[in-house]
Amino acid sequence: MGKFELYQDKGKQYRFRLKASNGQSILASEGYTTKAACENGISSVKTNASDDKRYERLVAKDKSPYFNLKASNGQVIGTSEMYSSNSAMENGITSVKTNAPKASIDDLT
């Protein structure tokens, strides 16, 4: 079962990362100024993860595929790591769809 890790970065911004059951990070948030806003971001990931239309499939400058998960208002709520291939990226999307809805929250703050 996957889990969200909620933490503060060096700049005191709140962030989360979704980790698969194998411990691999599969989605990371941008920084939030408050813990409550970060928790809302986690809720939004749980709500939107199962909808394939919410995934924006992209290619980085170095040609590495990656994806953003967007909320219904179009705002990015999570970004994946860079992948070596499109099939690896699609596996990452499947992993978010599988893990996010029921993932526990590990509050590291």
Protein backbone atom coordinates (compact mmCIF):
# COMPACT_ATOMS: atom_id res chain seq x y z
CA MET A 1 0.00 0.00 0.00
CA GLY A 2 1.34 3.42 -0.91
CA LYS A 3 1.66 6.37 1.42
CA PHE A 4 1.93 10.12 1.34
CA GLU A 5 4.81 11.69 3.21
CA LEU A 6 4.05 15.21 4.41
CA TYR A 7 7.20 17.18 5.27
CA GLN A 8 8.78 20.63 5.47
CA ASP A 9 11.64 21.53 3.16
CA LYS A 10 14.67 23.67 4.10
CA GLY A 11 12.74 26.82 3.16
CA LYS A 12 9.96 25.86 5.64
CA GLN A 13 7.50 25.13 2.83
CA TYR A 14 5.16 22.16 3.30
CA ARG A 15 5.38 19.46 0.64
CA PHE A 16 4.19 15.92 0.06
CA ARG A 17 5.40 12.98 -1.94
CA LEU A 18 3.47 9.87 -2.81
CA LYS A 19 5.47 6.69 -2.42
CA ALA A 20 4.56 3.31 -3.86
CA SER A 21 4.57 0.23 -1.63
CA ASN A 22 8.17 -0.45 -2.73
CA GLY A 23 9.23 2.95 -1.31
CA GLN A 24 9.75 4.59 -4.70
CA SER A 25 8.59 8.20 -4.93
CA ILE A 26 6.00 8.44 -7.73
CA LEU A 27 4.56 11.95 -7.30
CA ALA A 28 5.80 15.12 -5.61
CA SER A 29 4.05 18.39 -4.79
CA GLU A 30 5.08 21.98 -5.09
CA GLY A 31 5.65 23.92 -1.87
CA TYR A 32 2.74 25.12 0.26
CA THR A 33 2.93 27.90 2.85
CA THR A 34 0.65 26.12 5.32
CA LYS A 35 0.24 22.54 6.45
CA ALA A 36 -3.54 22.78 5.87
CA ALA A 37 -2.98 23.76 2.22
CA CYS A 38 -0.60 20.82 1.80
CA GLU A 39 -3.19 18.46 3.32
CA ASN A 40 -5.74 19.86 0.85
CA GLY A 41 -3.28 19.04 -1.94
CA ILE A 42 -3.09 15.44 -0.74
CA SER A 43 -6.92 15.28 -0.71
CA SER A 44 -6.96 16.63 -4.25
CA VAL A 45 -4.52 13.93 -5.41
CA LYS A 46 -6.71 11.25 -3.82
CA THR A 47 -9.79 12.70 -5.56
CA ASN A 48 -8.23 13.17 -9.00
CA ALA A 49 -5.82 10.22 -9.22
CA SER A 50 -8.26 7.77 -10.82
CA ASP A 51 -9.26 10.13 -13.69
CA ASP A 52 -6.95 9.60 -16.67
CA LYS A 53 -7.94 12.99 -18.12
CA ARG A 54 -6.20 14.66 -15.15
CA TYR A 55 -2.77 13.41 -16.27
CA GLU A 56 -0.74 15.70 -18.49
CA ARG A 57 1.92 13.64 -20.25
CA LEU A 58 5.01 15.72 -20.99
CA VAL A 59 8.57 15.47 -22.28
CA ALA A 60 11.49 17.28 -20.63
CA LYS A 61 14.22 19.12 -22.54
CA ASP A 62 16.44 16.04 -22.28
CA LYS A 63 13.59 13.99 -23.89
CA SER A 64 12.68 12.22 -20.63
CA PRO A 65 8.94 11.56 -20.30
CA TYR A 66 7.16 12.69 -17.13
CA PHE A 67 3.67 13.71 -16.07
CA ASN A 68 1.72 16.24 -14.06
CA LEU A 69 -1.46 15.42 -12.18
CA LYS A 70 -3.91 18.31 -12.40
CA ALA A 71 -6.97 19.24 -10.37
CA SER A 72 -10.32 19.90 -12.07
CA ASN A 73 -9.43 23.63 -12.19
CA GLY A 74 -6.28 22.85 -14.20
CA GLN A 75 -3.84 23.53 -11.35
CA VAL A 76 -0.89 21.14 -11.08
CA ILE A 77 -1.10 19.20 -7.81
CA GLY A 78 1.76 16.78 -8.37
CA THR A 79 4.69 16.08 -10.70
CA SER A 80 6.36 12.76 -11.38
CA GLU A 81 10.01 11.92 -11.63
CA MET A 82 11.67 11.74 -15.04
CA TYR A 83 11.26 8.38 -16.73
CA SER A 84 13.47 6.50 -19.19
CA SER A 85 10.59 5.61 -21.54
CA ASN A 86 6.93 6.26 -22.24
CA SER A 87 6.02 2.79 -20.98
CA ALA A 88 7.82 3.48 -17.68
CA MET A 89 5.89 6.77 -17.39
CA GLU A 90 2.59 4.98 -18.03
CA ASN A 91 3.52 2.48 -15.30
CA GLY A 92 4.08 5.47 -13.00
CA ILE A 93 0.63 6.84 -13.82
CA THR A 94 -0.89 3.41 -13.13
CA SER A 95 0.96 3.34 -9.82
CA VAL A 96 -0.47 6.74 -8.80
CA LYS A 97 -3.96 5.59 -9.80
CA THR A 98 -3.51 2.43 -7.71
CA ASN A 99 -1.78 3.88 -4.66
CA ALA A 100 -3.14 7.40 -4.14
CA PRO A 101 -6.84 6.85 -3.36
CA LYS A 102 -6.23 4.69 -0.28
CA ALA A 103 -2.75 5.87 0.71
CA SER A 104 -2.12 6.71 4.35
CA ILE A 105 -0.47 9.99 5.36
CA ASP A 106 2.85 9.86 7.20
CA ASP A 107 3.25 13.29 8.81
CA LEU A 108 7.00 13.94 9.13
CA THR A 109 6.59 17.49 10.40
